[in-house]
PDB file of N, CA and C in Angstrom:
ATOM      1  N   MET A   1    -137.667-114.439 -93.940  1.00  0.00           N
ATOM      2  CA  MET A   1    -137.929-115.247 -95.036  1.00  0.00           C
ATOM      3  C   MET A   1    -139.475-115.258 -95.212  1.00  0.00           C
ATOM      4  N   SER A   2    -139.690-114.815 -96.826  1.00  0.00           N
ATOM      5  CA  SER A   2    -141.505-114.575 -97.039  1.00  0.00           C
ATOM      6  C   SER A   2    -141.740-116.021 -97.602  1.00  0.00           C
ATOM      7  N   HIS A   3    -142.998-116.162 -97.426  1.00  0.00           N
ATOM      8  CA  HIS A   3    -143.560-117.659 -97.717  1.00  0.00           C
ATOM      9  C   HIS A   3    -144.693-117.247 -98.882  1.00  0.00           C
ATOM     10  N   THR A   4    -145.160-118.281 -99.559  1.00  0.00           N
ATOM     11  CA  THR A   4    -146.142-117.944-100.440  1.00  0.00           C
ATOM     12  C   THR A   4    -147.248-119.138 -99.970  1.00  0.00           C
ATOM     13  N   TYR A   5    -148.537-118.934-100.460  1.00  0.00           N
ATOM     14  CA  TYR A   5    -149.438-119.954-100.218  1.00  0.00           C
ATOM     15  C   TYR A   5    -149.170-121.272-100.260  1.00  0.00           C
ATOM     16  N   GLU A   6    -148.653-121.450-101.636  1.00  0.00           N
ATOM     17  CA  GLU A   6    -148.350-122.999-102.215  1.00  0.00           C
ATOM     18  C   GLU A   6    -147.247-123.330-101.183  1.00  0.00           C
ATOM     19  N   GLU A   7    -146.190-122.890-100.689  1.00  0.00           N
ATOM     20  CA  GLU A   7    -145.158-123.412-100.118  1.00  0.00           C
ATOM     21  C   GLU A   7    -145.827-123.662 -98.351  1.00  0.00           C
ATOM     22  N   LEU A   8    -146.549-122.972 -98.179  1.00  0.00           N
ATOM     23  CA  LEU A   8    -147.113-122.993 -96.695  1.00  0.00           C
ATOM     24  C   LEU A   8    -148.305-124.249 -96.949  1.00  0.00           C
ATOM     25  N   LYS A   9    -148.749-124.416 -98.033  1.00  0.00           N
ATOM     26  CA  LYS A   9    -149.910-125.484 -98.115  1.00  0.00           C
ATOM     27  C   LYS A   9    -149.246-127.100 -98.208  1.00  0.00           C
ATOM     28  N   HIS A  10    -148.174-126.970 -98.416  1.00  0.00           N
ATOM     29  CA  HIS A  10    -147.280-128.352 -98.604  1.00  0.00           C
ATOM     30  C   HIS A  10    -146.556-128.708 -97.345  1.00  0.00           C
ATOM     31  N   LYS A  11    -146.557-127.663 -96.500  1.00  0.00           N
ATOM     32  CA  LYS A  11    -145.777-127.805 -95.192  1.00  0.00           C
ATOM     33  C   LYS A  11    -146.598-128.660 -94.280  1.00  0.00           C
ATOM     34  N   SER A  12    -145.766-129.424 -93.269  1.00  0.00           N
ATOM     35  CA  SER A  12    -146.566-130.150 -92.329  1.00  0.00           C
ATOM     36  C   SER A  12    -147.126-129.178 -91.155  1.00  0.00           C
ATOM     37  N   VAL A  13    -148.120-129.521 -90.633  1.00  0.00           N
ATOM     38  CA  VAL A  13    -148.582-128.999 -89.323  1.00  0.00           C
ATOM     39  C   VAL A  13    -147.361-128.576 -88.402  1.00  0.00           C
ATOM     40  N   THR A  14    -146.423-129.309 -87.960  1.00  0.00           N
ATOM     41  CA  THR A  14    -145.335-128.843 -87.395  1.00  0.00           C
ATOM     42  C   THR A  14    -144.582-127.937 -87.718  1.00  0.00           C
ATOM     43  N   GLU A  15    -144.276-127.665 -88.914  1.00  0.00           N
ATOM     44  CA  GLU A  15    -143.790-126.846 -89.737  1.00  0.00           C
ATOM     45  C   GLU A  15    -144.388-125.591 -89.743  1.00  0.00           C
ATOM     46  N   LEU A  16    -145.829-125.773 -89.762  1.00  0.00           N
ATOM     47  CA  LEU A  16    -146.542-124.334 -89.790  1.00  0.00           C
ATOM     48  C   LEU A  16    -146.709-123.899 -88.284  1.00  0.00           C
ATOM     49  N   ARG A  17    -146.586-124.635 -87.369  1.00  0.00           N
ATOM     50  CA  ARG A  17    -146.503-124.088 -86.036  1.00  0.00           C
ATOM     51  C   ARG A  17    -145.295-123.629 -85.485  1.00  0.00           C
ATOM     52  N   GLU A  18    -144.129-124.240 -86.115  1.00  0.00           N
ATOM     53  CA  GLU A  18    -142.938-123.490 -85.835  1.00  0.00           C
ATOM     54  C   GLU A  18    -142.954-122.075 -86.378  1.00  0.00           C
ATOM     55  N   ILE A  19    -143.433-121.699 -87.796  1.00  0.00           N
ATOM     56  CA  ILE A  19    -143.480-120.233 -88.262  1.00  0.00           C
ATOM     57  C   ILE A  19    -144.271-119.650 -87.333  1.00  0.00           C
ATOM     58  N   ALA A  20    -145.501-120.363 -87.012  1.00  0.00           N
ATOM     59  CA  ALA A  20    -146.554-119.017 -86.224  1.00  0.00           C
ATOM     60  C   ALA A  20    -145.778-118.863 -84.610  1.00  0.00           C
ATOM     61  N   LYS A  21    -144.963-119.650 -84.321  1.00  0.00           N
ATOM     62  CA  LYS A  21    -144.364-119.576 -82.920  1.00  0.00           C
ATOM     63  C   LYS A  21    -143.558-117.996 -83.229  1.00  0.00           C
ATOM     64  N   ASP A  22    -143.009-117.707 -84.086  1.00  0.00           N
ATOM     65  CA  ASP A  22    -142.458-116.495 -84.301  1.00  0.00           C
ATOM     66  C   ASP A  22    -143.357-115.348 -84.588  1.00  0.00           C
ATOM     67  N   LEU A  23    -144.483-115.529 -84.590  1.00  0.00           N
ATOM     68  CA  LEU A  23    -145.290-114.231 -85.241  1.00  0.00           C
ATOM     69  C   LEU A  23    -145.964-113.783 -83.960  1.00  0.00           C
ATOM     70  N   ASP A  24    -146.021-112.408 -83.945  1.00  0.00           N
ATOM     71  CA  ASP A  24    -147.033-112.242 -82.681  1.00  0.00           C
ATOM     72  C   ASP A  24    -147.914-111.204 -83.467  1.00  0.00           C
ATOM     73  N   HIS A  25    -149.213-112.173 -84.039  1.00  0.00           N
ATOM     74  CA  HIS A  25    -150.360-111.566 -84.272  1.00  0.00           C
ATOM     75  C   HIS A  25    -151.430-112.049 -83.902  1.00  0.00           C
ATOM     76  N   GLU A  26    -152.676-111.395 -83.688  1.00  0.00           N
ATOM     77  CA  GLU A  26    -154.082-112.090 -83.334  1.00  0.00           C
ATOM     78  C   GLU A  26    -154.500-113.428 -83.855  1.00  0.00           C
ATOM     79  N   ALA A  27    -154.221-113.373 -85.079  1.00  0.00           N
ATOM     80  CA  ALA A  27    -154.786-114.565 -85.855  1.00  0.00           C
ATOM     81  C   ALA A  27    -154.070-115.842 -85.787  1.00  0.00           C
ATOM     82  N   VAL A  28    -153.033-115.553 -84.887  1.00  0.00           N
ATOM     83  CA  VAL A  28    -152.145-116.912 -84.990  1.00  0.00           C
ATOM     84  C   VAL A  28    -151.976-117.308 -83.471  1.00  0.00           C
ATOM     85  N   LYS A  29    -152.851-116.530 -82.341  1.00  0.00           N
ATOM     86  CA  LYS A  29    -152.721-116.956 -81.265  1.00  0.00           C
ATOM     87  C   LYS A  29    -153.362-118.245 -80.929  1.00  0.00           C
ATOM     88  N   GLY A  30    -152.868-119.056 -80.217  1.00  0.00           N
ATOM     89  CA  GLY A  30    -153.282-120.472 -79.566  1.00  0.00           C
ATOM     90  C   GLY A  30    -152.995-121.439 -80.944  1.00  0.00           C
ATOM     91  N   TYR A  31    -151.803-121.182 -81.531  1.00  0.00           N
ATOM     92  CA  TYR A  31    -151.471-121.926 -82.865  1.00  0.00           C
ATOM     93  C   TYR A  31    -151.030-123.190 -82.380  1.00  0.00           C
ATOM     94  N   THR A  32    -150.787-123.566 -81.094  1.00  0.00           N
ATOM     95  CA  THR A  32    -150.533-125.086 -80.590  1.00  0.00           C
ATOM     96  C   THR A  32    -151.868-125.946 -80.664  1.00  0.00           C
ATOM     97  N   GLN A  33    -152.833-125.103 -80.631  1.00  0.00           N
ATOM     98  CA  GLN A  33    -154.427-126.039 -80.775  1.00  0.00           C
ATOM     99  C   GLN A  33    -154.870-126.140 -81.976  1.00  0.00           C
ATOM    100  N   LEU A  34    -154.326-125.444 -82.935  1.00  0.00           N
ATOM    101  CA  LEU A  34    -155.176-125.513 -84.194  1.00  0.00           C
ATOM    102  C   LEU A  34    -154.677-126.603 -85.285  1.00  0.00           C
ATOM    103  N   ASN A  35    -155.339-126.886 -86.068  1.00  0.00           N
ATOM    104  CA  ASN A  35    -154.823-127.793 -87.018  1.00  0.00           C
ATOM    105  C   ASN A  35    -154.562-127.380 -88.360  1.00  0.00           C
ATOM    106  N   LYS A  36    -154.124-127.736 -89.322  1.00  0.00           N
ATOM    107  CA  LYS A  36    -153.627-127.343 -90.506  1.00  0.00           C
ATOM    108  C   LYS A  36    -154.515-126.668 -91.062  1.00  0.00           C
ATOM    109  N   GLU A  37    -155.998-127.046 -91.321  1.00  0.00           N
ATOM    110  CA  GLU A  37    -157.055-126.563 -91.812  1.00  0.00           C
ATOM    111  C   GLU A  37    -157.496-125.085 -91.354  1.00  0.00           C
ATOM    112  N   HIS A  38    -157.179-124.699 -90.114  1.00  0.00           N
ATOM    113  CA  HIS A  38    -157.435-123.515 -89.488  1.00  0.00           C
ATOM    114  C   HIS A  38    -156.078-122.725 -89.337  1.00  0.00           C
ATOM    115  N   LEU A  39    -154.868-123.725 -89.080  1.00  0.00           N
ATOM    116  CA  LEU A  39    -153.667-122.850 -88.962  1.00  0.00           C
ATOM    117  C   LEU A  39    -153.249-122.192 -90.262  1.00  0.00           C
ATOM    118  N   LEU A  40    -153.548-122.610 -91.506  1.00  0.00           N
ATOM    119  CA  LEU A  40    -153.101-122.254 -92.720  1.00  0.00           C
ATOM    120  C   LEU A  40    -153.666-120.817 -93.074  1.00  0.00           C
ATOM    121  N   PRO A  41    -154.949-120.653 -93.161  1.00  0.00           N
ATOM    122  CA  PRO A  41    -155.391-119.302 -93.363  1.00  0.00           C
ATOM    123  C   PRO A  41    -155.119-118.235 -92.147  1.00  0.00           C
ATOM    124  N   ALA A  42    -154.785-118.618 -90.818  1.00  0.00           N
ATOM    125  CA  ALA A  42    -154.194-117.908 -90.030  1.00  0.00           C
ATOM    126  C   ALA A  42    -152.933-117.336 -90.096  1.00  0.00           C
ATOM    127  N   LEU A  43    -152.142-118.346 -90.549  1.00  0.00           N
ATOM    128  CA  LEU A  43    -150.897-117.883 -91.240  1.00  0.00           C
ATOM    129  C   LEU A  43    -150.831-116.909 -92.201  1.00  0.00           C
ATOM    130  N   CYS A  44    -151.648-117.049 -93.192  1.00  0.00           N
ATOM    131  CA  CYS A  44    -151.711-116.490 -94.463  1.00  0.00           C
ATOM    132  C   CYS A  44    -152.236-114.837 -93.855  1.00  0.00           C
ATOM    133  N   LYS A  45    -152.933-114.763 -93.187  1.00  0.00           N
ATOM    134  CA  LYS A  45    -153.662-113.408 -92.652  1.00  0.00           C
ATOM    135  C   LYS A  45    -152.217-112.764 -91.979  1.00  0.00           C
ATOM    136  N   ALA A  46    -151.902-113.508 -91.031  1.00  0.00           N
ATOM    137  CA  ALA A  46    -150.680-112.746 -90.029  1.00  0.00           C
ATOM    138  C   ALA A  46    -149.584-112.407 -90.994  1.00  0.00           C
ATOM    139  N   LEU A  47    -149.368-113.323 -91.924  1.00  0.00           N
ATOM    140  CA  LEU A  47    -147.941-112.989 -92.988  1.00  0.00           C
ATOM    141  C   LEU A  47    -148.239-112.076 -94.291  1.00  0.00           C
ATOM    142  N   GLY A  48    -149.713-111.695 -94.292  1.00  0.00           N
ATOM    143  CA  GLY A  48    -150.240-110.833 -95.474  1.00  0.00           C
ATOM    144  C   GLY A  48    -150.290-111.317 -96.948  1.00  0.00           C
ATOM    145  N   ILE A  49    -150.363-112.743 -97.011  1.00  0.00           N
ATOM    146  CA  ILE A  49    -150.500-113.408 -98.218  1.00  0.00           C
ATOM    147  C   ILE A  49    -151.832-114.040 -98.478  1.00  0.00           C
ATOM    148  N   ASP A  50    -151.975-113.819 -99.691  1.00  0.00           N
ATOM    149  CA  ASP A  50    -153.132-114.065-100.388  1.00  0.00           C
ATOM    150  C   ASP A  50    -153.596-115.663-100.138  1.00  0.00           C
ATOM    151  N   ALA A  51    -154.665-116.062 -99.529  1.00  0.00           N
ATOM    152  CA  ALA A  51    -155.216-117.367 -99.522  1.00  0.00           C
ATOM    153  C   ALA A  51    -155.716-117.972-100.430  1.00  0.00           C
ATOM    154  N   HIS A  52    -155.875-117.394-101.682  1.00  0.00           N
ATOM    155  CA  HIS A  52    -156.441-118.129-102.865  1.00  0.00           C
ATOM    156  C   HIS A  52    -155.330-118.624-103.892  1.00  0.00           C
ATOM    157  N   VAL A  53    -155.927-119.937-104.505  1.00  0.00           N
ATOM    158  CA  VAL A  53    -154.665-119.996-105.734  1.00  0.00           C
ATOM    159  C   VAL A  53    -155.157-119.614-106.726  1.00  0.00           C
ATOM    160  N   HIS A  54    -154.439-118.745-107.390  1.00  0.00           N
ATOM    161  CA  HIS A  54    -154.574-118.106-108.552  1.00  0.00           C
ATOM    162  C   HIS A  54    -154.181-118.977-109.787  1.00  0.00           C
ATOM    163  N   HIS A  55    -154.900-118.994-110.613  1.00  0.00           N
ATOM    164  CA  HIS A  55    -154.554-119.777-112.029  1.00  0.00           C
ATOM    165  C   HIS A  55    -154.281-118.754-113.260  1.00  0.00           C
ATOM    166  N   ASP A  56    -153.083-119.041-113.614  1.00  0.00           N
ATOM    167  CA  ASP A  56    -152.788-118.330-114.852  1.00  0.00           C
ATOM    168  C   ASP A  56    -153.071-118.937-116.282  1.00  0.00           C
ATOM    169  N   ALA A  57    -154.013-118.487-116.829  1.00  0.00           N
ATOM    170  CA  ALA A  57    -154.290-118.797-118.216  1.00  0.00           C
ATOM    171  C   ALA A  57    -152.885-118.833-119.318  1.00  0.00           C
ATOM    172  N   VAL A  58    -152.720-119.699-119.699  1.00  0.00           N
ATOM    173  CA  VAL A  58    -151.645-119.859-120.726  1.00  0.00           C
ATOM    174  C   VAL A  58    -151.972-120.062-122.119  1.00  0.00           C
ATOM    175  N   GLY A  59    -151.234-119.391-123.047  1.00  0.00           N
ATOM    176  CA  GLY A  59    -151.553-119.237-124.495  1.00  0.00           C
ATOM    177  C   GLY A  59    -153.071-118.896-125.050  1.00  0.00           C
ATOM    178  N   ILE A  60    -153.609-118.194-124.373  1.00  0.00           N
ATOM    179  CA  ILE A  60    -155.042-117.733-124.539  1.00  0.00           C
ATOM    180  C   ILE A  60    -155.220-116.076-124.113  1.00  0.00           C
ATOM    181  N   ASP A  61    -155.936-115.249-124.497  1.00  0.00           N
ATOM    182  CA  ASP A  61    -156.264-114.062-124.153  1.00  0.00           C
ATOM    183  C   ASP A  61    -157.411-114.051-123.195  1.00  0.00           C
ATOM    184  N   LYS A  62    -157.158-114.360-121.909  1.00  0.00           N
ATOM    185  CA  LYS A  62    -158.360-114.726-121.047  1.00  0.00           C
ATOM    186  C   LYS A  62    -159.300-113.571-120.898  1.00  0.00           C
ATOM    187  N   PRO A  63    -158.603-112.041-120.962  1.00  0.00           N
ATOM    188  CA  PRO A  63    -159.583-111.060-120.716  1.00  0.00           C
ATOM    189  C   PRO A  63    -160.622-110.784-121.620  1.00  0.00           C
ATOM    190  N   ALA A  64    -160.323-111.245-123.130  1.00  0.00           N
ATOM    191  CA  ALA A  64    -160.910-111.054-124.309  1.00  0.00           C
ATOM    192  C   ALA A  64    -162.008-112.327-124.222  1.00  0.00           C
ATOM    193  N   LEU A  65    -161.490-113.541-123.784  1.00  0.00           N
ATOM    194  CA  LEU A  65    -162.629-114.506-123.831  1.00  0.00           C
ATOM    195  C   LEU A  65    -163.583-114.205-122.779  1.00  0.00           C
ATOM    196  N   LYS A  66    -163.416-113.572-121.300  1.00  0.00           N
ATOM    197  CA  LYS A  66    -164.280-113.276-120.573  1.00  0.00           C
ATOM    198  C   LYS A  66    -165.347-111.985-120.978  1.00  0.00           C
ATOM    199  N   SER A  67    -164.517-110.944-122.026  1.00  0.00           N
ATOM    200  CA  SER A  67    -165.489-109.831-122.129  1.00  0.00           C
ATOM    201  C   SER A  67    -166.377-110.611-123.267  1.00  0.00           C
ATOM    202  N   ARG A  68    -166.084-111.542-124.064  1.00  0.00           N
ATOM    203  CA  ARG A  68    -166.948-112.169-125.177  1.00  0.00           C
ATOM    204  C   ARG A  68    -167.911-113.140-124.397  1.00  0.00           C
ATOM    205  N   ILE A  69    -167.747-113.513-123.142  1.00  0.00           N
ATOM    206  CA  ILE A  69    -168.695-114.352-122.251  1.00  0.00           C
ATOM    207  C   ILE A  69    -169.597-113.387-121.899  1.00  0.00           C
ATOM    208  N   ARG A  70    -169.146-112.244-121.373  1.00  0.00           N
ATOM    209  CA  ARG A  70    -170.360-111.294-120.980  1.00  0.00           C
ATOM    210  C   ARG A  70    -171.444-110.915-122.035  1.00  0.00           C
ATOM    211  N   ALA A  71    -170.671-110.840-123.119  1.00  0.00           N
ATOM    212  CA  ALA A  71    -171.665-110.223-124.427  1.00  0.00           C
ATOM    213  C   ALA A  71    -172.536-111.488-124.705  1.00  0.00           C
ATOM    214  N   LEU A  72    -172.080-112.690-124.316  1.00  0.00           N
ATOM    215  CA  LEU A  72    -172.895-113.851-124.430  1.00  0.00           C
ATOM    216  C   LEU A  72    -174.125-113.949-123.820  1.00  0.00           C
ATOM    217  N   GLN A  73    -173.652-113.443-122.415  1.00  0.00           N
ATOM    218  CA  GLN A  73    -174.594-113.581-121.332  1.00  0.00           C
ATOM    219  C   GLN A  73    -175.796-112.534-121.611  1.00  0.00           C
ATOM    220  N   LYS A  74    -175.434-111.354-122.124  1.00  0.00           N
ATOM    221  CA  LYS A  74    -176.431-110.598-122.383  1.00  0.00           C
ATOM    222  C   LYS A  74    -177.547-111.082-123.521  1.00  0.00           C
ATOM    223  N   GLU A  75    -176.889-111.709-124.565  1.00  0.00           N
ATOM    224  CA  GLU A  75    -177.560-112.222-125.787  1.00  0.00           C
ATOM    225  C   GLU A  75    -178.476-113.471-125.113  1.00  0.00           C
ATOM    226  N   ARG A  76    -178.141-114.066-124.281  1.00  0.00           N
ATOM    227  CA  ARG A  76    -178.757-115.208-123.613  1.00  0.00           C
ATOM    228  C   ARG A  76    -179.841-114.709-122.677  1.00  0.00           C
ATOM    229  N   ASP A  77    -179.670-113.588-122.259  1.00  0.00           N
ATOM    230  CA  ASP A  77    -180.830-112.883-121.243  1.00  0.00           C
ATOM    231  C   ASP A  77    -181.773-112.572-122.233  1.00  0.00           C
ATOM    232  N   ALA A  78    -181.508-111.806-123.504  1.00  0.00           N
ATOM    233  CA  ALA A  78    -182.209-111.393-124.367  1.00  0.00           C
ATOM    234  C   ALA A  78    -183.132-112.395-124.894  1.00  0.00           C
ATOM    235  N   ALA A  79    -182.479-113.794-125.315  1.00  0.00           N
ATOM    236  CA  ALA A  79    -183.047-114.789-125.980  1.00  0.00           C
ATOM    237  C   ALA A  79    -183.957-115.550-124.931  1.00  0.00           C
ATOM    238  N   VAL A  80    -183.793-115.552-123.305  1.00  0.00           N
ATOM    239  CA  VAL A  80    -184.837-115.961-122.846  1.00  0.00           C
ATOM    240  C   VAL A  80    -185.996-115.186-122.553  1.00  0.00           C
ATOM    241  N   GLN A  81    -185.877-113.594-122.560  1.00  0.00           N
ATOM    242  CA  GLN A  81    -187.220-112.846-122.580  1.00  0.00           C
ATOM    243  C   GLN A  81    -187.773-112.795-123.762  1.00  0.00           C
ATOM    244  N   THR A  82    -187.404-113.511-124.744  1.00  0.00           N
ATOM    245  CA  THR A  82    -187.941-113.389-126.040  1.00  0.00           C
ATOM    246  C   THR A  82    -188.632-115.004-126.389  1.00  0.00           C
ATOM    247  N   HIS A  83    -188.150-115.674-125.669  1.00  0.00           N
ATOM    248  CA  HIS A  83    -188.533-117.236-125.538  1.00  0.00           C
ATOM    249  C   HIS A  83    -187.959-117.876-127.037  1.00  0.00           C
ATOM    250  N   ASP A  84    -186.774-117.503-127.355  1.00  0.00           N
ATOM    251  CA  ASP A  84    -186.142-118.011-128.491  1.00  0.00           C
ATOM    252  C   ASP A  84    -185.243-119.147-128.145  1.00  0.00           C
ATOM    253  N   HIS A  85    -185.932-120.476-128.327  1.00  0.00           N
ATOM    254  CA  HIS A  85    -185.057-121.696-127.599  1.00  0.00           C
ATOM    255  C   HIS A  85    -184.306-121.918-128.292  1.00  0.00           C
ATOM    256  N   SER A  86    -184.116-122.002-129.663  1.00  0.00           N
ATOM    257  CA  SER A  86    -182.620-122.288-130.597  1.00  0.00           C
ATOM    258  C   SER A  86    -181.504-121.138-130.311  1.00  0.00           C
ATOM    259  N   LYS A  87    -181.980-119.808-130.336  1.00  0.00           N
ATOM    260  CA  LYS A  87    -180.793-118.822-130.178  1.00  0.00           C
ATOM    261  C   LYS A  87    -180.372-119.142-128.602  1.00  0.00           C
ATOM    262  N   LEU A  88    -181.179-119.455-127.614  1.00  0.00           N
ATOM    263  CA  LEU A  88    -180.811-119.614-126.517  1.00  0.00           C
ATOM    264  C   LEU A  88    -179.954-120.913-126.155  1.00  0.00           C
ATOM    265  N   LYS A  89    -180.486-122.020-126.897  1.00  0.00           N
ATOM    266  CA  LYS A  89    -179.250-123.079-126.907  1.00  0.00           C
ATOM    267  C   LYS A  89    -178.031-122.877-127.572  1.00  0.00           C
ATOM    268  N   SER A  90    -178.132-122.291-128.594  1.00  0.00           N
ATOM    269  CA  SER A  90    -176.382-121.785-129.241  1.00  0.00           C
ATOM    270  C   SER A  90    -175.891-120.894-128.599  1.00  0.00           C
ATOM    271  N   VAL A  91    -176.178-120.083-127.935  1.00  0.00           N
ATOM    272  CA  VAL A  91    -175.630-119.333-126.664  1.00  0.00           C
ATOM    273  C   VAL A  91    -175.328-119.804-125.846  1.00  0.00           C
ATOM    274  N   ARG A  92    -176.042-120.607-125.275  1.00  0.00           N
ATOM    275  CA  ARG A  92    -175.348-121.195-124.014  1.00  0.00           C
ATOM    276  C   ARG A  92    -174.325-122.221-124.335  1.00  0.00           C
ATOM    277  N   ARG A  93    -174.287-122.687-125.579  1.00  0.00           N
ATOM    278  CA  ARG A  93    -173.217-123.867-125.921  1.00  0.00           C
ATOM    279  C   ARG A  93    -171.889-123.100-126.216  1.00  0.00           C
ATOM    280  N   ALA A  94    -172.060-121.796-126.729  1.00  0.00           N
ATOM    281  CA  ALA A  94    -171.147-121.152-126.899  1.00  0.00           C
ATOM    282  C   ALA A  94    -170.247-120.585-125.575  1.00  0.00           C
ATOM    283  N   ILE A  95    -171.178-119.965-124.649  1.00  0.00           N
ATOM    284  CA  ILE A  95    -170.534-119.728-123.390  1.00  0.00           C
ATOM    285  C   ILE A  95    -169.677-120.893-122.718  1.00  0.00           C
ATOM    286  N   HIS A  96    -170.399-121.946-122.667  1.00  0.00           N
ATOM    287  CA  HIS A  96    -169.720-123.178-122.249  1.00  0.00           C
ATOM    288  C   HIS A  96    -168.548-123.544-123.088  1.00  0.00           C
ATOM    289  N   HIS A  97    -168.428-123.305-124.454  1.00  0.00           N
ATOM    290  CA  HIS A  97    -167.115-123.500-125.039  1.00  0.00           C
ATOM    291  C   HIS A  97    -166.092-122.774-124.451  1.00  0.00           C
ATOM    292  N   LEU A  98    -166.468-121.715-124.512  1.00  0.00           N
ATOM    293  CA  LEU A  98    -165.660-120.190-124.039  1.00  0.00           C
ATOM    294  C   LEU A  98    -165.188-120.658-122.561  1.00  0.00           C
ATOM    295  N   ASN A  99    -165.940-120.921-121.556  1.00  0.00           N
ATOM    296  CA  ASN A  99    -165.391-121.409-120.465  1.00  0.00           C
ATOM    297  C   ASN A  99    -164.605-122.738-120.342  1.00  0.00           C
ATOM    298  N   HIS A 100    -164.769-123.869-121.058  1.00  0.00           N
ATOM    299  CA  HIS A 100    -163.981-125.012-121.283  1.00  0.00           C
ATOM    300  C   HIS A 100    -162.545-124.329-121.617  1.00  0.00           C
ATOM    301  N   GLN A 101    -162.649-123.567-122.885  1.00  0.00           N
ATOM    302  CA  GLN A 101    -161.245-122.963-123.197  1.00  0.00           C
ATOM    303  C   GLN A 101    -160.557-122.410-122.081  1.00  0.00           C
ATOM    304  N   ILE A 102    -160.939-121.812-121.405  1.00  0.00           N
ATOM    305  CA  ILE A 102    -160.464-121.145-120.306  1.00  0.00           C
ATOM    306  C   ILE A 102    -159.961-122.004-119.255  1.00  0.00           C
ATOM    307  N   ARG A 103    -160.662-123.033-118.941  1.00  0.00           N
ATOM    308  CA  ARG A 103    -160.361-124.144-117.780  1.00  0.00           C
ATOM    309  C   ARG A 103    -159.280-124.854-118.742  1.00  0.00           C
ATOM    310  N   ALA A 104    -159.172-125.244-119.720  1.00  0.00           N
ATOM    311  CA  ALA A 104    -158.215-126.248-120.287  1.00  0.00           C
ATOM    312  C   ALA A 104    -156.719-125.503-120.368  1.00  0.00           C
ATOM    313  N   HIS A 105    -156.878-124.300-120.630  1.00  0.00           N
ATOM    314  CA  HIS A 105    -155.426-123.524-120.441  1.00  0.00           C
ATOM    315  C   HIS A 105    -155.040-123.161-119.290  1.00  0.00           C
ATOM    316  N   GLU A 106    -155.531-123.231-118.066  1.00  0.00           N
ATOM    317  CA  GLU A 106    -155.155-122.960-116.720  1.00  0.00           C
ATOM    318  C   GLU A 106    -154.208-123.984-116.222  1.00  0.00           C
ATOM    319  N   ARG A 107    -153.175-123.383-115.387  1.00  0.00           N
ATOM    320  CA  ARG A 107    -152.216-124.366-114.836  1.00  0.00           C
ATOM    321  C   ARG A 107    -152.223-124.215-113.521  1.00  0.00           C
TER     322      ARG A 107
END
């Protein structure tokens, strides 16, 4: 049975130890002594599961927004070099707005 990170995260320590009992991997050695905080990453490593939560942006073109942010960061660096405070402020607000858009559309 394959597991996902989200499934494992919502299981109890007892359930995680039952899963670890059937595995023969160095990461889960001593599983009976591990708490959930340590057992969860060990199980992910043993099962080959990505231990991150990936957020999917829904309804927006995230790669396009990220490339626009990178372009604005170059403009920001140029504004810092030239000491153009008004340009710096507007570029930083634009970056903030784009980051906010991305976060608002993640689920």
